[in-house]
C-alpha atoms as a PDB file:
ATOM      1  CA  MET A   1     131.739 107.532 129.086  1.00  0.00           C
ATOM      2  CA  VAL A   2     129.163 104.841 128.295  1.00  0.00           C
ATOM      3  CA  GLY A   3     126.242 107.232 128.727  1.00  0.00           C
ATOM      4  CA  GLY A   4     128.059 109.757 126.561  1.00  0.00           C
ATOM      5  CA  LEU A   5     128.332 107.201 123.753  1.00  0.00           C
ATOM      6  CA  ALA A   6     124.610 106.473 123.945  1.00  0.00           C
ATOM      7  CA  ARG A   7     123.790 110.192 123.874  1.00  0.00           C
ATOM      8  CA  ALA A   8     126.174 110.783 120.955  1.00  0.00           C
ATOM      9  CA  ALA A   9     124.606 107.891 119.043  1.00  0.00           C
ATOM     10  CA  ASP A  10     121.155 109.290 119.766  1.00  0.00           C
ATOM     11  CA  ARG A  11     122.210 112.732 118.498  1.00  0.00           C
ATOM     12  CA  LEU A  12     123.606 111.146 115.331  1.00  0.00           C
ATOM     13  CA  GLY A  13     120.365 109.221 114.802  1.00  0.00           C
ATOM     14  CA  GLY A  14     118.354 112.383 115.379  1.00  0.00           C
ATOM     15  CA  ALA A  15     120.436 114.335 112.867  1.00  0.00           C
ATOM     16  CA  VAL A  16     120.068 111.588 110.256  1.00  0.00           C
ATOM     17  CA  GLU A  17     116.320 111.505 110.933  1.00  0.00           C
ATOM     18  CA  LYS A  18     115.999 115.290 110.506  1.00  0.00           C
ATOM     19  CA  VAL A  19     117.891 115.364 107.221  1.00  0.00           C
ATOM     20  CA  THR A  20     116.043 112.312 105.907  1.00  0.00           C
ATOM     21  CA  GLY A  21     112.727 113.783 106.993  1.00  0.00           C
ATOM     22  CA  ALA A  22     113.527 117.047 105.219  1.00  0.00           C
ATOM     23  CA  VAL A  23     114.301 115.155 102.013  1.00  0.00           C
ATOM     24  CA  CYS A  24     111.034 113.199 102.375  1.00  0.00           C
ATOM     25  CA  VAL A  25     109.095 116.443 102.842  1.00  0.00           C
ATOM     26  CA  ALA A  26     110.813 117.914  99.770  1.00  0.00           C
ATOM     27  CA  CYS A  27     109.913 114.803  97.762  1.00  0.00           C
ATOM     28  CA  LEU A  28     106.286 115.040  98.911  1.00  0.00           C
ATOM     29  CA  ALA A  29     106.097 118.743  98.042  1.00  0.00           C
ATOM     30  CA  ALA A  30     107.682 118.194  94.618  1.00  0.00           C
ATOM     31  CA  MET A  31     105.419 115.216  93.984  1.00  0.00           C
ATOM     32  CA  THR A  32     102.350 117.300  94.867  1.00  0.00           C
ATOM     33  CA  VAL A  33     103.398 120.108  92.517  1.00  0.00           C
ATOM     34  CA  VAL A  34     104.182 117.673  89.695  1.00  0.00           C
ATOM     35  CA  VAL A  35     100.827 115.911  90.046  1.00  0.00           C
ATOM     36  CA  LEU A  36      98.901 119.204  90.181  1.00  0.00           C
ATOM     37  CA  VAL A  37     100.724 120.483  87.082  1.00  0.00           C
ATOM     38  CA  GLY A  38      99.978 117.213  85.306  1.00  0.00           C
ATOM     39  CA  VAL A  39      96.294 117.321  86.221  1.00  0.00           C
ATOM     40  CA  PHE A  40      95.986 120.984  85.236  1.00  0.00           C
ATOM     41  CA  PHE A  41      97.589 120.524  81.836  1.00  0.00           C
ATOM     42  CA  ARG A  42      95.694 117.293  81.143  1.00  0.00           C
ATOM     43  CA  TYR A  43      92.201 118.399  82.128  1.00  0.00           C
ATOM     44  CA  ALA A  44      92.188 122.211  82.036  1.00  0.00           C
ATOM     45  CA  LEU A  45      94.318 122.781  78.946  1.00  0.00           C
ATOM     46  CA  ASN A  46      93.737 119.373  77.294  1.00  0.00           C
ATOM     47  CA  ASP A  47      97.482 119.235  76.544  1.00  0.00           C
ATOM     48  CA  PRO A  48      99.030 116.696  78.946  1.00  0.00           C
ATOM     49  CA  PHE A  49     102.687 116.508  79.866  1.00  0.00           C
ATOM     50  CA  MET A  50     103.987 112.977  79.461  1.00  0.00           C
ATOM     51  CA  TRP A  51     106.624 113.204  82.182  1.00  0.00           C
ATOM     52  CA  THR A  52     104.516 114.157  85.219  1.00  0.00           C
ATOM     53  CA  GLU A  53     103.296 110.659  86.106  1.00  0.00           C
ATOM     54  CA  GLU A  54     106.779 109.184  85.872  1.00  0.00           C
ATOM     55  CA  ALA A  55     108.357 112.008  87.871  1.00  0.00           C
ATOM     56  CA  ALA A  56     105.720 111.654  90.614  1.00  0.00           C
ATOM     57  CA  ARG A  57     106.316 107.896  90.736  1.00  0.00           C
ATOM     58  CA  TYR A  58     110.076 108.308  91.151  1.00  0.00           C
ATOM     59  CA  LEU A  59     109.640 110.945  93.850  1.00  0.00           C
ATOM     60  CA  GLN A  60     107.299 108.567  95.689  1.00  0.00           C
ATOM     61  CA  VAL A  61     109.855 105.751  95.406  1.00  0.00           C
ATOM     62  CA  TRP A  62     112.562 107.928  96.979  1.00  0.00           C
ATOM     63  CA  MET A  63     110.209 109.147  99.698  1.00  0.00           C
ATOM     64  CA  GLY A  64     109.072 105.619 100.554  1.00  0.00           C
ATOM     65  CA  PHE A  65     112.549 104.147 100.696  1.00  0.00           C
ATOM     66  CA  LEU A  66     113.965 106.979 102.799  1.00  0.00           C
ATOM     67  CA  ALA A  67     111.053 106.842 105.236  1.00  0.00           C
ATOM     68  CA  VAL A  68     112.092 103.300 106.210  1.00  0.00           C
ATOM     69  CA  SER A  69     115.000 104.643 108.269  1.00  0.00           C
ATOM     70  CA  ILE A  70     112.710 107.130 110.041  1.00  0.00           C
ATOM     71  CA  ALA A  71     110.286 104.339 110.925  1.00  0.00           C
ATOM     72  CA  LEU A  72     113.154 102.215 112.262  1.00  0.00           C
ATOM     73  CA  ARG A  73     114.407 105.061 114.447  1.00  0.00           C
ATOM     74  CA  ARG A  74     110.972 105.664 115.922  1.00  0.00           C
ATOM     75  CA  GLY A  75     110.252 101.962 116.416  1.00  0.00           C
ATOM     76  CA  LYS A  76     107.270 102.172 114.069  1.00  0.00           C
ATOM     77  CA  HIS A  77     108.422  99.625 111.523  1.00  0.00           C
ATOM     78  CA  ILE A  78     106.283  96.529 111.244  1.00  0.00           C
ATOM     79  CA  ARG A  79     107.097  93.782 113.716  1.00  0.00           C
ATOM     80  CA  VAL A  80     105.400  90.868 115.405  1.00  0.00           C
ATOM     81  CA  GLU A  81     105.110  91.426 119.155  1.00  0.00           C
ATOM     82  CA  VAL A  82     103.444  88.222 120.270  1.00  0.00           C
ATOM     83  CA  LEU A  83     106.420  86.597 121.957  1.00  0.00           C
ATOM     84  CA  ALA A  84     108.046  89.553 123.769  1.00  0.00           C
ATOM     85  CA  PRO A  85     105.307  90.095 126.433  1.00  0.00           C
ATOM     86  CA  LEU A  86     105.512  86.405 127.398  1.00  0.00           C
ATOM     87  CA  LEU A  87     109.251  86.561 128.095  1.00  0.00           C
ATOM     88  CA  ARG A  88     111.225  87.871 131.026  1.00  0.00           C
ATOM     89  CA  PRO A  89     112.325  91.491 130.473  1.00  0.00           C
ATOM     90  CA  TRP A  90     115.994  90.649 129.932  1.00  0.00           C
ATOM     91  CA  LEU A  91     115.095  87.905 127.440  1.00  0.00           C
ATOM     92  CA  ALA A  92     112.696  90.231 125.613  1.00  0.00           C
ATOM     93  CA  LYS A  93     115.574  92.734 125.331  1.00  0.00           C
ATOM     94  CA  VAL A  94     117.862  90.027 123.910  1.00  0.00           C
ATOM     95  CA  LEU A  95     115.140  89.061 121.416  1.00  0.00           C
ATOM     96  CA  ASP A  96     114.688  92.710 120.446  1.00  0.00           C
ATOM     97  CA  ILE A  97     118.425  93.091 119.794  1.00  0.00           C
ATOM     98  CA  LEU A  98     118.427  89.815 117.839  1.00  0.00           C
ATOM     99  CA  VAL A  99     115.596  91.109 115.637  1.00  0.00           C
ATOM    100  CA  ASP A 100     117.555  94.336 115.064  1.00  0.00           C
ATOM    101  CA  GLY A 101     120.537  92.199 114.062  1.00  0.00           C
ATOM    102  CA  ILE A 102     118.448  90.240 111.568  1.00  0.00           C
ATOM    103  CA  MET A 103     117.121  93.498 110.108  1.00  0.00           C
ATOM    104  CA  ALA A 104     120.690  94.819 109.885  1.00  0.00           C
ATOM    105  CA  TRP A 105     121.759  91.649 108.072  1.00  0.00           C
ATOM    106  CA  PHE A 106     118.916  92.196 105.583  1.00  0.00           C
ATOM    107  CA  MET A 107     119.922  95.854 105.155  1.00  0.00           C
ATOM    108  CA  VAL A 108     123.539  94.851 104.446  1.00  0.00           C
ATOM    109  CA  ILE A 109     122.302  92.485 101.724  1.00  0.00           C
ATOM    110  CA  LEU A 110     119.990  95.207 100.397  1.00  0.00           C
ATOM    111  CA  LEU A 111     122.858  97.714 100.419  1.00  0.00           C
ATOM    112  CA  HIS A 112     125.112  95.341  98.484  1.00  0.00           C
ATOM    113  CA  GLN A 113     122.457  94.268  95.979  1.00  0.00           C
ATOM    114  CA  GLY A 114     121.251  97.858  95.577  1.00  0.00           C
ATOM    115  CA  TYR A 115     124.799  98.957  94.869  1.00  0.00           C
ATOM    116  CA  LEU A 116     125.153  96.233  92.223  1.00  0.00           C
ATOM    117  CA  LEU A 117     121.827  97.275  90.734  1.00  0.00           C
ATOM    118  CA  VAL A 118     122.979 100.890  90.490  1.00  0.00           C
ATOM    119  CA  VAL A 119     126.428 100.251  89.014  1.00  0.00           C
ATOM    120  CA  ASN A 120     125.082  97.793  86.445  1.00  0.00           C
ATOM    121  CA  SER A 121     122.167  99.957  85.341  1.00  0.00           C
ATOM    122  CA  LEU A 122     122.356 101.131  81.754  1.00  0.00           C
ATOM    123  CA  SER A 123     118.716 102.089  81.292  1.00  0.00           C
ATOM    124  CA  ARG A 124     117.173 105.525  81.151  1.00  0.00           C
ATOM    125  CA  ALA A 125     113.795 106.801  82.299  1.00  0.00           C
ATOM    126  CA  SER A 126     111.173 106.538  79.584  1.00  0.00           C
ATOM    127  CA  THR A 127     109.900 110.137  79.481  1.00  0.00           C
ATOM    128  CA  LEU A 128     112.485 112.014  81.542  1.00  0.00           C
ATOM    129  CA  PRO A 129     116.035 112.738  80.384  1.00  0.00           C
ATOM    130  CA  LEU A 130     117.352 110.878  83.398  1.00  0.00           C
ATOM    131  CA  SER A 131     119.483 107.826  83.992  1.00  0.00           C
ATOM    132  CA  MET A 132     117.837 105.141  86.102  1.00  0.00           C
ATOM    133  CA  VAL A 133     120.938 105.260  88.317  1.00  0.00           C
ATOM    134  CA  TRP A 134     119.378 108.267  90.089  1.00  0.00           C
ATOM    135  CA  ILE A 135     116.139 106.411  90.766  1.00  0.00           C
ATOM    136  CA  LEU A 136     117.739 103.095  91.705  1.00  0.00           C
ATOM    137  CA  SER A 137     120.100 104.842  94.129  1.00  0.00           C
ATOM    138  CA  ALA A 138     117.164 105.043  96.534  1.00  0.00           C
ATOM    139  CA  VAL A 139     117.712 101.366  97.427  1.00  0.00           C
ATOM    140  CA  PRO A 140     121.299 101.530  98.735  1.00  0.00           C
ATOM    141  CA  ALA A 141     120.709 104.998 100.225  1.00  0.00           C
ATOM    142  CA  ALA A 142     117.763 103.718 102.248  1.00  0.00           C
ATOM    143  CA  ALA A 143     119.651 100.598 103.317  1.00  0.00           C
ATOM    144  CA  GLY A 144     122.640 102.666 104.477  1.00  0.00           C
ATOM    145  CA  LEU A 145     120.471 105.110 106.437  1.00  0.00           C
ATOM    146  CA  SER A 146     118.553 102.202 107.968  1.00  0.00           C
ATOM    147  CA  LEU A 147     121.821 100.587 109.057  1.00  0.00           C
ATOM    148  CA  VAL A 148     122.796 103.806 110.821  1.00  0.00           C
ATOM    149  CA  GLN A 149     119.460 103.934 112.652  1.00  0.00           C
ATOM    150  CA  LEU A 150     119.618 100.231 113.564  1.00  0.00           C
ATOM    151  CA  ALA A 151     123.132 100.706 114.983  1.00  0.00           C
ATOM    152  CA  VAL A 152     121.910 103.693 117.007  1.00  0.00           C
ATOM    153  CA  ASN A 153     118.956 101.670 118.299  1.00  0.00           C
ATOM    154  CA  VAL A 154     121.195  98.783 119.382  1.00  0.00           C
ATOM    155  CA  ILE A 155     123.650 101.138 121.099  1.00  0.00           C
ATOM    156  CA  LYS A 156     120.771 102.767 122.985  1.00  0.00           C
ATOM    157  CA  LYS A 157     119.448  99.352 124.036  1.00  0.00           C
ATOM    158  CA  LEU A 158     122.819  98.051 125.191  1.00  0.00           C
ATOM    159  CA  LEU A 159     124.222 101.155 126.849  1.00  0.00           C
ATOM    160  CA  PRO A 160     122.362 103.165 129.440  1.00  0.00           C
ATOM    161  CA  ALA A 161     122.094 106.840 128.568  1.00  0.00           C
ATOM    162  CA  GLY A 162     122.891 107.760 132.134  1.00  0.00           C
ATOM    163  CA  PRO A 163     121.296 110.582 134.069  1.00  0.00           C
ATOM    164  CA  ALA A 164     120.327 113.619 132.054  1.00  0.00           C
ATOM    165  CA  ARG A 165     122.551 116.612 132.589  1.00  0.00           C
ATOM    166  CA  PRO A 166     120.885 119.264 134.731  1.00  0.00           C
ATOM    167  CA  GLU A 167     119.752 122.402 132.967  1.00  0.00           C
ATOM    168  CA  THR A 168     122.211 125.225 133.474  1.00  0.00           C
ATOM    169  CA  ASP A 169     119.908 128.055 132.490  1.00  0.00           C
ATOM    170  CA  GLY A 170     116.679 126.908 134.113  1.00  0.00           C
ATOM    171  CA  PRO A 171     114.379 129.126 136.191  1.00  0.00           C
ATOM    172  CA  ALA A 172     116.387 128.848 139.427  1.00  0.00           C
ATOM    173  CA  GLU A 173     119.729 129.732 137.837  1.00  0.00           C
ATOM    174  CA  ALA A 174     118.244 132.566 135.795  1.00  0.00           C
ATOM    175  CA  GLY A 175     116.910 134.275 138.912  1.00  0.00           C
ATOM    176  CA  GLY A 176     113.359 133.032 138.377  1.00  0.00           C
ATOM    177  CA  ARG A 177     111.177 131.359 140.964  1.00  0.00           C
ATOM    178  CA  GLN A 178     110.737 127.645 141.224  1.00  0.00           C
ATOM    179  CA  PRO A 179     107.137 126.583 140.641  1.00  0.00           C
ATOM    180  CA  GLU A 180     105.181 125.925 143.831  1.00  0.00           C
ATOM    181  CA  PRO A 181     104.086 122.309 144.317  1.00  0.00           C
ATOM    182  CA  GLN A 182     100.357 121.768 143.818  1.00  0.00           C
ATOM    183  CA  ALA A 183      98.429 120.468 146.799  1.00  0.00           C
END
């Protein structure tokens, strides 16, 4: 039961990471196209579009904010690791969970403040026919996704995943030979 919860949480985190990563890739691709179009029209045709720089900036903002949750899932977000190697393993684990809790507290504040920022926004983009609500929504979206990944990380740290289920269609079951051990 406990291992099943850890595996389910890990699957949820993986699904969120895949979807978020796909959106980040789409933002990067769109940003690349927008910048290339802007450069082409500015320098090749000497007739620049005014919206390309702003559109690229907003795509980069979304990509950067969403990538935070991916970094948290992979354990690649910035952290200071001076104290953990000096502590006993169980105490280092407690410290790690405490740091995740502090980050979650920050993400809750960011989610709330980002939400307030979005609902109180009346401004529009300067060159695009777009409400700033769409751009500012990156803040609470990133905070919410980061909270999901932090919760998954804490569940995985607290609950053992248990033994992996044996493969049911591996070489032995499929009638294939087991590999010979190397001498």
